[in-house]
Amino acid sequence: MIPTSSLADYVCSCEFGHFPWDEWEKAALEKGVPGDLAKLGREVMREAFQHQWTEDLQYACGLFDGGKQMLTLARRSPKRARARWQRWLDSDGLRSYRDPKTGELKP
């Protein structure tokens, strides 16, 4: 578990290839998560940090628990995980959404 106040310090101290999202992807693959879903989860976790999504979403994206909840979701309900994570990516952390009728990105 990483304290909120030191998340940036922790991430900046990681060696290349050993960021939290890299470690999560490796663990997910070891636990049998399909490769494409593990890659999506890694991307979500990375974007949550790099784009400074809300703290609630950063928690949901596993930045403070090593991705334990994400791993559980990916294993129990891969379709739900994929839909949720793709929505977060498409909306840049729920900052915008795509109108289903027009395809237009809205704030």
PDB file of N, CA and C in Angstrom:
ATOM      1  N   MET A   1       0.851  -1.173   0.000  1.00  0.00           N
ATOM      2  CA  MET A   1       0.000   0.000   0.000  1.00  0.00           C
ATOM      3  C   MET A   1       0.897   1.238   0.000  1.00  0.00           C
ATOM      4  N   ILE A   2       0.613   2.165  -0.887  1.00  0.00           N
ATOM      5  CA  ILE A   2       1.419   3.380  -1.025  1.00  0.00           C
ATOM      6  C   ILE A   2       0.625   4.560  -0.499  1.00  0.00           C
ATOM      7  N   PRO A   3       1.179   5.340   0.425  1.00  0.00           N
ATOM      8  CA  PRO A   3       0.458   6.526   0.898  1.00  0.00           C
ATOM      9  C   PRO A   3       0.274   7.532  -0.233  1.00  0.00           C
ATOM     10  N   THR A   4      -0.879   8.169  -0.262  1.00  0.00           N
ATOM     11  CA  THR A   4      -1.200   9.133  -1.307  1.00  0.00           C
ATOM     12  C   THR A   4      -0.121  10.197  -1.445  1.00  0.00           C
ATOM     13  N   SER A   5       0.351  10.718  -0.334  1.00  0.00           N
ATOM     14  CA  SER A   5       1.298  11.835  -0.368  1.00  0.00           C
ATOM     15  C   SER A   5       2.628  11.456  -0.994  1.00  0.00           C
ATOM     16  N   SER A   6       2.975  10.180  -0.999  1.00  0.00           N
ATOM     17  CA  SER A   6       4.285   9.812  -1.522  1.00  0.00           C
ATOM     18  C   SER A   6       4.211   9.003  -2.818  1.00  0.00           C
ATOM     19  N   LEU A   7       3.059   8.971  -3.453  1.00  0.00           N
ATOM     20  CA  LEU A   7       2.914   8.201  -4.682  1.00  0.00           C
ATOM     21  C   LEU A   7       3.896   8.672  -5.750  1.00  0.00           C
ATOM     22  N   ALA A   8       3.965   9.960  -5.985  1.00  0.00           N
ATOM     23  CA  ALA A   8       4.869  10.481  -7.018  1.00  0.00           C
ATOM     24  C   ALA A   8       6.321  10.148  -6.678  1.00  0.00           C
ATOM     25  N   ASP A   9       6.688  10.296  -5.417  1.00  0.00           N
ATOM     26  CA  ASP A   9       8.056   9.962  -5.008  1.00  0.00           C
ATOM     27  C   ASP A   9       8.346   8.493  -5.260  1.00  0.00           C
ATOM     28  N   TYR A  10       7.380   7.659  -4.900  1.00  0.00           N
ATOM     29  CA  TYR A  10       7.561   6.225  -5.099  1.00  0.00           C
ATOM     30  C   TYR A  10       7.727   5.902  -6.584  1.00  0.00           C
ATOM     31  N   VAL A  11       6.830   6.400  -7.417  1.00  0.00           N
ATOM     32  CA  VAL A  11       6.881   6.101  -8.850  1.00  0.00           C
ATOM     33  C   VAL A  11       8.190   6.610  -9.454  1.00  0.00           C
ATOM     34  N   CYS A  12       8.592   7.806  -9.066  1.00  0.00           N
ATOM     35  CA  CYS A  12       9.825   8.385  -9.617  1.00  0.00           C
ATOM     36  C   CYS A  12      11.075   7.626  -9.177  1.00  0.00           C
ATOM     37  N   SER A  13      10.973   6.857  -8.107  1.00  0.00           N
ATOM     38  CA  SER A  13      12.129   6.089  -7.639  1.00  0.00           C
ATOM     39  C   SER A  13      12.223   4.718  -8.306  1.00  0.00           C
ATOM     40  N   CYS A  14      11.207   4.347  -9.070  1.00  0.00           N
ATOM     41  CA  CYS A  14      11.203   3.035  -9.717  1.00  0.00           C
ATOM     42  C   CYS A  14      12.171   3.001 -10.891  1.00  0.00           C
ATOM     43  N   GLU A  15      12.740   1.831 -11.126  1.00  0.00           N
ATOM     44  CA  GLU A  15      13.585   1.635 -12.294  1.00  0.00           C
ATOM     45  C   GLU A  15      12.699   1.384 -13.511  1.00  0.00           C
ATOM     46  N   PHE A  16      13.204   1.750 -14.670  1.00  0.00           N
ATOM     47  CA  PHE A  16      12.475   1.526 -15.908  1.00  0.00           C
ATOM     48  C   PHE A  16      12.083   0.054 -16.003  1.00  0.00           C
ATOM     49  N   GLY A  17      10.821  -0.185 -16.340  1.00  0.00           N
ATOM     50  CA  GLY A  17      10.312  -1.540 -16.468  1.00  0.00           C
ATOM     51  C   GLY A  17       9.799  -2.125 -15.160  1.00  0.00           C
ATOM     52  N   HIS A  18       9.923  -1.348 -14.081  1.00  0.00           N
ATOM     53  CA  HIS A  18       9.475  -1.817 -12.769  1.00  0.00           C
ATOM     54  C   HIS A  18       8.543  -0.812 -12.102  1.00  0.00           C
ATOM     55  N   PHE A  19       7.830  -0.053 -12.915  1.00  0.00           N
ATOM     56  CA  PHE A  19       6.823   0.868 -12.378  1.00  0.00           C
ATOM     57  C   PHE A  19       5.656   0.024 -11.863  1.00  0.00           C
ATOM     58  N   PRO A  20       4.795   0.589 -11.037  1.00  0.00           N
ATOM     59  CA  PRO A  20       3.671  -0.195 -10.506  1.00  0.00           C
ATOM     60  C   PRO A  20       2.846  -0.863 -11.611  1.00  0.00           C
ATOM     61  N   TRP A  21       2.643  -0.169 -12.710  1.00  0.00           N
ATOM     62  CA  TRP A  21       1.834  -0.735 -13.798  1.00  0.00           C
ATOM     63  C   TRP A  21       2.550  -1.893 -14.475  1.00  0.00           C
ATOM     64  N   ASP A  22       3.883  -1.839 -14.557  1.00  0.00           N
ATOM     65  CA  ASP A  22       4.644  -2.953 -15.126  1.00  0.00           C
ATOM     66  C   ASP A  22       4.531  -4.184 -14.224  1.00  0.00           C
ATOM     67  N   GLU A  23       4.677  -3.966 -12.938  1.00  0.00           N
ATOM     68  CA  GLU A  23       4.599  -5.064 -11.976  1.00  0.00           C
ATOM     69  C   GLU A  23       3.195  -5.663 -11.952  1.00  0.00           C
ATOM     70  N   TRP A  24       2.181  -4.796 -12.098  1.00  0.00           N
ATOM     71  CA  TRP A  24       0.812  -5.294 -12.116  1.00  0.00           C
ATOM     72  C   TRP A  24       0.589  -6.188 -13.331  1.00  0.00           C
ATOM     73  N   GLU A  25       1.042  -5.752 -14.479  1.00  0.00           N
ATOM     74  CA  GLU A  25       0.855  -6.554 -15.697  1.00  0.00           C
ATOM     75  C   GLU A  25       1.518  -7.925 -15.545  1.00  0.00           C
ATOM     76  N   LYS A  26       2.731  -7.958 -15.008  1.00  0.00           N
ATOM     77  CA  LYS A  26       3.420  -9.235 -14.809  1.00  0.00           C
ATOM     78  C   LYS A  26       2.619 -10.140 -13.870  1.00  0.00           C
ATOM     79  N   ALA A  27       2.143  -9.577 -12.771  1.00  0.00           N
ATOM     80  CA  ALA A  27       1.359 -10.367 -11.806  1.00  0.00           C
ATOM     81  C   ALA A  27       0.068 -10.865 -12.436  1.00  0.00           C
ATOM     82  N   ALA A  28      -0.583 -10.006 -13.222  1.00  0.00           N
ATOM     83  CA  ALA A  28      -1.836 -10.391 -13.867  1.00  0.00           C
ATOM     84  C   ALA A  28      -1.607 -11.557 -14.830  1.00  0.00           C
ATOM     85  N   LEU A  29      -0.555 -11.491 -15.607  1.00  0.00           N
ATOM     86  CA  LEU A  29      -0.246 -12.574 -16.535  1.00  0.00           C
ATOM     87  C   LEU A  29       0.046 -13.872 -15.782  1.00  0.00           C
ATOM     88  N   GLU A  30       0.780 -13.758 -14.677  1.00  0.00           N
ATOM     89  CA  GLU A  30       1.083 -14.943 -13.861  1.00  0.00           C
ATOM     90  C   GLU A  30      -0.180 -15.570 -13.282  1.00  0.00           C
ATOM     91  N   LYS A  31      -1.201 -14.748 -13.017  1.00  0.00           N
ATOM     92  CA  LYS A  31      -2.458 -15.236 -12.440  1.00  0.00           C
ATOM     93  C   LYS A  31      -3.454 -15.672 -13.508  1.00  0.00           C
ATOM     94  N   GLY A  32      -3.039 -15.642 -14.775  1.00  0.00           N
ATOM     95  CA  GLY A  32      -3.890 -16.157 -15.830  1.00  0.00           C
ATOM     96  C   GLY A  32      -4.782 -15.145 -16.531  1.00  0.00           C
ATOM     97  N   VAL A  33      -4.575 -13.862 -16.275  1.00  0.00           N
ATOM     98  CA  VAL A  33      -5.344 -12.834 -16.973  1.00  0.00           C
ATOM     99  C   VAL A  33      -4.879 -12.822 -18.431  1.00  0.00           C
ATOM    100  N   PRO A  34      -5.804 -12.809 -19.390  1.00  0.00           N
ATOM    101  CA  PRO A  34      -5.407 -12.774 -20.805  1.00  0.00           C
ATOM    102  C   PRO A  34      -4.493 -11.574 -21.093  1.00  0.00           C
ATOM    103  N   GLY A  35      -3.559 -11.775 -21.998  1.00  0.00           N
ATOM    104  CA  GLY A  35      -2.558 -10.755 -22.305  1.00  0.00           C
ATOM    105  C   GLY A  35      -3.124  -9.400 -22.673  1.00  0.00           C
ATOM    106  N   ASP A  36      -4.174  -9.381 -23.500  1.00  0.00           N
ATOM    107  CA  ASP A  36      -4.727  -8.098 -23.913  1.00  0.00           C
ATOM    108  C   ASP A  36      -5.387  -7.366 -22.746  1.00  0.00           C
ATOM    109  N   LEU A  37      -5.987  -8.110 -21.827  1.00  0.00           N
ATOM    110  CA  LEU A  37      -6.621  -7.484 -20.667  1.00  0.00           C
ATOM    111  C   LEU A  37      -5.560  -7.004 -19.677  1.00  0.00           C
ATOM    112  N   ALA A  38      -4.497  -7.771 -19.511  1.00  0.00           N
ATOM    113  CA  ALA A  38      -3.398  -7.347 -18.642  1.00  0.00           C
ATOM    114  C   ALA A  38      -2.763  -6.065 -19.187  1.00  0.00           C
ATOM    115  N   LYS A  39      -2.613  -5.997 -20.491  1.00  0.00           N
ATOM    116  CA  LYS A  39      -2.045  -4.793 -21.120  1.00  0.00           C
ATOM    117  C   LYS A  39      -2.973  -3.592 -20.909  1.00  0.00           C
ATOM    118  N   LEU A  40      -4.274  -3.801 -21.038  1.00  0.00           N
ATOM    119  CA  LEU A  40      -5.236  -2.725 -20.822  1.00  0.00           C
ATOM    120  C   LEU A  40      -5.183  -2.246 -19.371  1.00  0.00           C
ATOM    121  N   GLY A  41      -5.127  -3.177 -18.420  1.00  0.00           N
ATOM    122  CA  GLY A  41      -5.028  -2.807 -17.018  1.00  0.00           C
ATOM    123  C   GLY A  41      -3.773  -2.011 -16.732  1.00  0.00           C
ATOM    124  N   ARG A  42      -2.662  -2.419 -17.341  1.00  0.00           N
ATOM    125  CA  ARG A  42      -1.403  -1.683 -17.192  1.00  0.00           C
ATOM    126  C   ARG A  42      -1.561  -0.260 -17.705  1.00  0.00           C
ATOM    127  N   GLU A  43      -2.176  -0.124 -18.868  1.00  0.00           N
ATOM    128  CA  GLU A  43      -2.367   1.197 -19.468  1.00  0.00           C
ATOM    129  C   GLU A  43      -3.244   2.086 -18.591  1.00  0.00           C
ATOM    130  N   VAL A  44      -4.288   1.509 -18.030  1.00  0.00           N
ATOM    131  CA  VAL A  44      -5.193   2.267 -17.154  1.00  0.00           C
ATOM    132  C   VAL A  44      -4.439   2.778 -15.926  1.00  0.00           C
ATOM    133  N   MET A  45      -3.674   1.898 -15.305  1.00  0.00           N
ATOM    134  CA  MET A  45      -2.934   2.278 -14.110  1.00  0.00           C
ATOM    135  C   MET A  45      -1.928   3.386 -14.428  1.00  0.00           C
ATOM    136  N   ARG A  46      -1.231   3.252 -15.536  1.00  0.00           N
ATOM    137  CA  ARG A  46      -0.238   4.260 -15.945  1.00  0.00           C
ATOM    138  C   ARG A  46      -0.901   5.604 -16.230  1.00  0.00           C
ATOM    139  N   GLU A  47      -1.996   5.574 -16.983  1.00  0.00           N
ATOM    140  CA  GLU A  47      -2.683   6.824 -17.319  1.00  0.00           C
ATOM    141  C   GLU A  47      -3.264   7.504 -16.082  1.00  0.00           C
ATOM    142  N   ALA A  48      -3.771   6.716 -15.144  1.00  0.00           N
ATOM    143  CA  ALA A  48      -4.317   7.294 -13.915  1.00  0.00           C
ATOM    144  C   ALA A  48      -3.256   8.113 -13.190  1.00  0.00           C
ATOM    145  N   PHE A  49      -2.035   7.609 -13.195  1.00  0.00           N
ATOM    146  CA  PHE A  49      -0.940   8.347 -12.558  1.00  0.00           C
ATOM    147  C   PHE A  49      -0.495   9.521 -13.427  1.00  0.00           C
ATOM    148  N   GLN A  50      -0.174   9.258 -14.673  1.00  0.00           N
ATOM    149  CA  GLN A  50       0.406  10.290 -15.532  1.00  0.00           C
ATOM    150  C   GLN A  50      -0.550  11.438 -15.831  1.00  0.00           C
ATOM    151  N   HIS A  51      -1.832  11.151 -15.910  1.00  0.00           N
ATOM    152  CA  HIS A  51      -2.814  12.204 -16.205  1.00  0.00           C
ATOM    153  C   HIS A  51      -3.477  12.737 -14.943  1.00  0.00           C
ATOM    154  N   GLN A  52      -2.992  12.303 -13.802  1.00  0.00           N
ATOM    155  CA  GLN A  52      -3.476  12.784 -12.511  1.00  0.00           C
ATOM    156  C   GLN A  52      -4.998  12.697 -12.402  1.00  0.00           C
ATOM    157  N   TRP A  53      -5.516  11.485 -12.649  1.00  0.00           N
ATOM    158  CA  TRP A  53      -6.942  11.273 -12.470  1.00  0.00           C
ATOM    159  C   TRP A  53      -7.278  11.510 -11.005  1.00  0.00           C
ATOM    160  N   THR A  54      -8.539  11.615 -10.689  1.00  0.00           N
ATOM    161  CA  THR A  54      -8.944  11.870  -9.308  1.00  0.00           C
ATOM    162  C   THR A  54      -8.374  10.791  -8.391  1.00  0.00           C
ATOM    163  N   GLU A  55      -8.246  11.140  -7.140  1.00  0.00           N
ATOM    164  CA  GLU A  55      -7.703  10.181  -6.176  1.00  0.00           C
ATOM    165  C   GLU A  55      -8.566   8.918  -6.108  1.00  0.00           C
ATOM    166  N   ASP A  56      -9.880   9.083  -6.182  1.00  0.00           N
ATOM    167  CA  ASP A  56     -10.772   7.912  -6.163  1.00  0.00           C
ATOM    168  C   ASP A  56     -10.466   6.969  -7.322  1.00  0.00           C
ATOM    169  N   LEU A  57     -10.271   7.537  -8.510  1.00  0.00           N
ATOM    170  CA  LEU A  57      -9.956   6.689  -9.661  1.00  0.00           C
ATOM    171  C   LEU A  57      -8.562   6.100  -9.542  1.00  0.00           C
ATOM    172  N   GLN A  58      -7.630   6.857  -8.978  1.00  0.00           N
ATOM    173  CA  GLN A  58      -6.298   6.295  -8.776  1.00  0.00           C
ATOM    174  C   GLN A  58      -6.361   5.090  -7.839  1.00  0.00           C
ATOM    175  N   TYR A  59      -7.197   5.181  -6.816  1.00  0.00           N
ATOM    176  CA  TYR A  59      -7.405   4.023  -5.941  1.00  0.00           C
ATOM    177  C   TYR A  59      -8.007   2.870  -6.739  1.00  0.00           C
ATOM    178  N   ALA A  60      -9.045   3.166  -7.513  1.00  0.00           N
ATOM    179  CA  ALA A  60      -9.723   2.134  -8.305  1.00  0.00           C
ATOM    180  C   ALA A  60      -8.778   1.502  -9.336  1.00  0.00           C
ATOM    181  N   CYS A  61      -7.809   2.275  -9.778  1.00  0.00           N
ATOM    182  CA  CYS A  61      -6.846   1.792 -10.771  1.00  0.00           C
ATOM    183  C   CYS A  61      -5.650   1.103 -10.130  1.00  0.00           C
ATOM    184  N   GLY A  62      -5.698   0.907  -8.828  1.00  0.00           N
ATOM    185  CA  GLY A  62      -4.697   0.091  -8.167  1.00  0.00           C
ATOM    186  C   GLY A  62      -3.416   0.762  -7.754  1.00  0.00           C
ATOM    187  N   LEU A  63      -3.354   2.078  -7.834  1.00  0.00           N
ATOM    188  CA  LEU A  63      -2.102   2.746  -7.512  1.00  0.00           C
ATOM    189  C   LEU A  63      -1.751   2.699  -6.030  1.00  0.00           C
ATOM    190  N   PHE A  64      -2.716   2.414  -5.177  1.00  0.00           N
ATOM    191  CA  PHE A  64      -2.434   2.429  -3.746  1.00  0.00           C
ATOM    192  C   PHE A  64      -2.533   1.056  -3.092  1.00  0.00           C
ATOM    193  N   ASP A  65      -2.976   0.051  -3.845  1.00  0.00           N
ATOM    194  CA  ASP A  65      -3.068  -1.292  -3.264  1.00  0.00           C
ATOM    195  C   ASP A  65      -2.338  -2.325  -4.122  1.00  0.00           C
ATOM    196  N   GLY A  66      -1.490  -1.844  -5.009  1.00  0.00           N
ATOM    197  CA  GLY A  66      -0.770  -2.762  -5.875  1.00  0.00           C
ATOM    198  C   GLY A  66      -1.641  -3.424  -6.923  1.00  0.00           C
ATOM    199  N   GLY A  67      -2.834  -2.885  -7.125  1.00  0.00           N
ATOM    200  CA  GLY A  67      -3.731  -3.404  -8.147  1.00  0.00           C
ATOM    201  C   GLY A  67      -4.488  -4.655  -7.742  1.00  0.00           C
ATOM    202  N   LYS A  68      -4.590  -4.916  -6.437  1.00  0.00           N
ATOM    203  CA  LYS A  68      -5.273  -6.133  -5.973  1.00  0.00           C
ATOM    204  C   LYS A  68      -6.733  -6.182  -6.425  1.00  0.00           C
ATOM    205  N   GLN A  69      -7.443  -5.062  -6.290  1.00  0.00           N
ATOM    206  CA  GLN A  69      -8.849  -5.051  -6.703  1.00  0.00           C
ATOM    207  C   GLN A  69      -8.978  -5.198  -8.214  1.00  0.00           C
ATOM    208  N   MET A  70      -8.071  -4.584  -8.949  1.00  0.00           N
ATOM    209  CA  MET A  70      -8.092  -4.719 -10.411  1.00  0.00           C
ATOM    210  C   MET A  70      -7.867  -6.169 -10.814  1.00  0.00           C
ATOM    211  N   LEU A  71      -6.935  -6.819 -10.156  1.00  0.00           N
ATOM    212  CA  LEU A  71      -6.646  -8.213 -10.472  1.00  0.00           C
ATOM    213  C   LEU A  71      -7.848  -9.102 -10.173  1.00  0.00           C
ATOM    214  N   THR A  72      -8.488  -8.860  -9.043  1.00  0.00           N
ATOM    215  CA  THR A  72      -9.681  -9.628  -8.693  1.00  0.00           C
ATOM    216  C   THR A  72     -10.767  -9.446  -9.749  1.00  0.00           C
ATOM    217  N   LEU A  73     -11.004  -8.202 -10.158  1.00  0.00           N
ATOM    218  CA  LEU A  73     -12.019  -7.929 -11.174  1.00  0.00           C
ATOM    219  C   LEU A  73     -11.657  -8.598 -12.497  1.00  0.00           C
ATOM    220  N   ALA A  74     -10.412  -8.494 -12.906  1.00  0.00           N
ATOM    221  CA  ALA A  74      -9.981  -9.072 -14.185  1.00  0.00           C
ATOM    222  C   ALA A  74     -10.164 -10.585 -14.203  1.00  0.00           C
ATOM    223  N   ARG A  75      -9.938 -11.220 -13.066  1.00  0.00           N
ATOM    224  CA  ARG A  75     -10.064 -12.678 -12.997  1.00  0.00           C
ATOM    225  C   ARG A  75     -11.515 -13.123 -12.886  1.00  0.00           C
ATOM    226  N   ARG A  76     -12.313 -12.389 -12.121  1.00  0.00           N
ATOM    227  CA  ARG A  76     -13.709 -12.796 -11.894  1.00  0.00           C
ATOM    228  C   ARG A  76     -14.643 -12.366 -13.012  1.00  0.00           C
ATOM    229  N   SER A  77     -14.390 -11.188 -13.553  1.00  0.00           N
ATOM    230  CA  SER A  77     -15.308 -10.651 -14.560  1.00  0.00           C
ATOM    231  C   SER A  77     -14.527  -9.884 -15.637  1.00  0.00           C
ATOM    232  N   PRO A  78     -13.843 -10.609 -16.497  1.00  0.00           N
ATOM    233  CA  PRO A  78     -13.009  -9.940 -17.499  1.00  0.00           C
ATOM    234  C   PRO A  78     -13.775  -8.994 -18.421  1.00  0.00           C
ATOM    235  N   LYS A  79     -15.001  -9.341 -18.770  1.00  0.00           N
ATOM    236  CA  LYS A  79     -15.788  -8.448 -19.645  1.00  0.00           C
ATOM    237  C   LYS A  79     -16.071  -7.125 -18.943  1.00  0.00           C
ATOM    238  N   ARG A  80     -16.458  -7.203 -17.672  1.00  0.00           N
ATOM    239  CA  ARG A  80     -16.730  -5.992 -16.901  1.00  0.00           C
ATOM    240  C   ARG A  80     -15.459  -5.166 -16.740  1.00  0.00           C
ATOM    241  N   ALA A  81     -14.346  -5.815 -16.454  1.00  0.00           N
ATOM    242  CA  ALA A  81     -13.067  -5.109 -16.304  1.00  0.00           C
ATOM    243  C   ALA A  81     -12.723  -4.385 -17.603  1.00  0.00           C
ATOM    244  N   ARG A  82     -12.826  -5.103 -18.714  1.00  0.00           N
ATOM    245  CA  ARG A  82     -12.482  -4.506 -20.009  1.00  0.00           C
ATOM    246  C   ARG A  82     -13.360  -3.288 -20.306  1.00  0.00           C
ATOM    247  N   ALA A  83     -14.657  -3.405 -20.096  1.00  0.00           N
ATOM    248  CA  ALA A  83     -15.576  -2.297 -20.375  1.00  0.00           C
ATOM    249  C   ALA A  83     -15.284  -1.096 -19.472  1.00  0.00           C
ATOM    250  N   ARG A  84     -15.089  -1.362 -18.188  1.00  0.00           N
ATOM    251  CA  ARG A  84     -14.822  -0.277 -17.228  1.00  0.00           C
ATOM    252  C   ARG A  84     -13.515   0.422 -17.549  1.00  0.00           C
ATOM    253  N   TRP A  85     -12.469  -0.346 -17.760  1.00  0.00           N
ATOM    254  CA  TRP A  85     -11.153   0.241 -17.999  1.00  0.00           C
ATOM    255  C   TRP A  85     -11.103   0.983 -19.321  1.00  0.00           C
ATOM    256  N   GLN A  86     -11.760   0.436 -20.332  1.00  0.00           N
ATOM    257  CA  GLN A  86     -11.759   1.123 -21.628  1.00  0.00           C
ATOM    258  C   GLN A  86     -12.513   2.444 -21.523  1.00  0.00           C
ATOM    259  N   ARG A  87     -13.604   2.450 -20.760  1.00  0.00           N
ATOM    260  CA  ARG A  87     -14.361   3.699 -20.554  1.00  0.00           C
ATOM    261  C   ARG A  87     -13.492   4.739 -19.853  1.00  0.00           C
ATOM    262  N   TRP A  88     -12.737   4.320 -18.856  1.00  0.00           N
ATOM    263  CA  TRP A  88     -11.857   5.265 -18.163  1.00  0.00           C
ATOM    264  C   TRP A  88     -10.814   5.824 -19.110  1.00  0.00           C
ATOM    265  N   LEU A  89     -10.245   4.970 -19.963  1.00  0.00           N
ATOM    266  CA  LEU A  89      -9.257   5.453 -20.918  1.00  0.00           C
ATOM    267  C   LEU A  89      -9.884   6.389 -21.945  1.00  0.00           C
ATOM    268  N   ASP A  90     -11.022   5.980 -22.489  1.00  0.00           N
ATOM    269  CA  ASP A  90     -11.683   6.782 -23.516  1.00  0.00           C
ATOM    270  C   ASP A  90     -12.092   8.156 -23.003  1.00  0.00           C
ATOM    271  N   SER A  91     -12.388   8.248 -21.714  1.00  0.00           N
ATOM    272  CA  SER A  91     -12.862   9.514 -21.140  1.00  0.00           C
ATOM    273  C   SER A  91     -11.763  10.243 -20.371  1.00  0.00           C
ATOM    274  N   ASP A  92     -10.532   9.760 -20.457  1.00  0.00           N
ATOM    275  CA  ASP A  92      -9.400  10.299 -19.699  1.00  0.00           C
ATOM    276  C   ASP A  92      -9.770  10.455 -18.228  1.00  0.00           C
ATOM    277  N   GLY A  93     -10.138   9.348 -17.633  1.00  0.00           N
ATOM    278  CA  GLY A  93     -10.468   9.349 -16.219  1.00  0.00           C
ATOM    279  C   GLY A  93     -11.807   9.989 -15.920  1.00  0.00           C
ATOM    280  N   LEU A  94     -12.774   9.747 -16.800  1.00  0.00           N
ATOM    281  CA  LEU A  94     -14.144  10.256 -16.671  1.00  0.00           C
ATOM    282  C   LEU A  94     -14.224  11.775 -16.769  1.00  0.00           C
ATOM    283  N   ARG A  95     -13.244  12.383 -17.429  1.00  0.00           N
ATOM    284  CA  ARG A  95     -13.256  13.832 -17.632  1.00  0.00           C
ATOM    285  C   ARG A  95     -14.152  14.224 -18.800  1.00  0.00           C
ATOM    286  N   SER A  96     -14.385  13.285 -19.698  1.00  0.00           N
ATOM    287  CA  SER A  96     -15.230  13.550 -20.853  1.00  0.00           C
ATOM    288  C   SER A  96     -15.865  12.229 -21.269  1.00  0.00           C
ATOM    289  N   TYR A  97     -16.778  12.308 -22.183  1.00  0.00           N
ATOM    290  CA  TYR A  97     -17.379  11.086 -22.698  1.00  0.00           C
ATOM    291  C   TYR A  97     -17.714  11.282 -24.170  1.00  0.00           C
ATOM    292  N   ARG A  98     -17.872  10.174 -24.850  1.00  0.00           N
ATOM    293  CA  ARG A  98     -18.203  10.216 -26.274  1.00  0.00           C
ATOM    294  C   ARG A  98     -19.702  10.019 -26.420  1.00  0.00           C
ATOM    295  N   ASP A  99     -20.363  10.984 -27.066  1.00  0.00           N
ATOM    296  CA  ASP A  99     -21.799  10.900 -27.307  1.00  0.00           C
ATOM    297  C   ASP A  99     -22.067   9.682 -28.183  1.00  0.00           C
ATOM    298  N   PRO A 100     -22.912   8.760 -27.717  1.00  0.00           N
ATOM    299  CA  PRO A 100     -23.138   7.527 -28.499  1.00  0.00           C
ATOM    300  C   PRO A 100     -23.795   7.769 -29.849  1.00  0.00           C
ATOM    301  N   LYS A 101     -24.549   8.857 -30.000  1.00  0.00           N
ATOM    302  CA  LYS A 101     -25.229   9.128 -31.268  1.00  0.00           C
ATOM    303  C   LYS A 101     -24.318   9.814 -32.273  1.00  0.00           C
ATOM    304  N   THR A 102     -23.534  10.795 -31.812  1.00  0.00           N
ATOM    305  CA  THR A 102     -22.714  11.578 -32.722  1.00  0.00           C
ATOM    306  C   THR A 102     -21.246  11.163 -32.721  1.00  0.00           C
ATOM    307  N   GLY A 103     -20.822  10.486 -31.666  1.00  0.00           N
ATOM    308  CA  GLY A 103     -19.405  10.126 -31.560  1.00  0.00           C
ATOM    309  C   GLY A 103     -18.543  11.286 -31.076  1.00  0.00           C
ATOM    310  N   GLU A 104     -19.180  12.417 -30.811  1.00  0.00           N
ATOM    311  CA  GLU A 104     -18.449  13.612 -30.393  1.00  0.00           C
ATOM    312  C   GLU A 104     -17.990  13.486 -28.945  1.00  0.00           C
ATOM    313  N   LEU A 105     -16.750  13.923 -28.691  1.00  0.00           N
ATOM    314  CA  LEU A 105     -16.212  13.918 -27.330  1.00  0.00           C
ATOM    315  C   LEU A 105     -16.699  15.158 -26.605  1.00  0.00           C
ATOM    316  N   LYS A 106     -17.289  14.951 -25.435  1.00  0.00           N
ATOM    317  CA  LYS A 106     -17.866  16.071 -24.671  1.00  0.00           C
ATOM    318  C   LYS A 106     -17.249  16.104 -23.281  1.00  0.00           C
ATOM    319  N   PRO A 107     -17.159  17.320 -22.711  1.00  0.00           N
ATOM    320  CA  PRO A 107     -16.625  17.442 -21.346  1.00  0.00           C
ATOM    321  C   PRO A 107     -17.593  16.898 -20.307  1.00  0.00           C
TER     322      PRO A 107
END
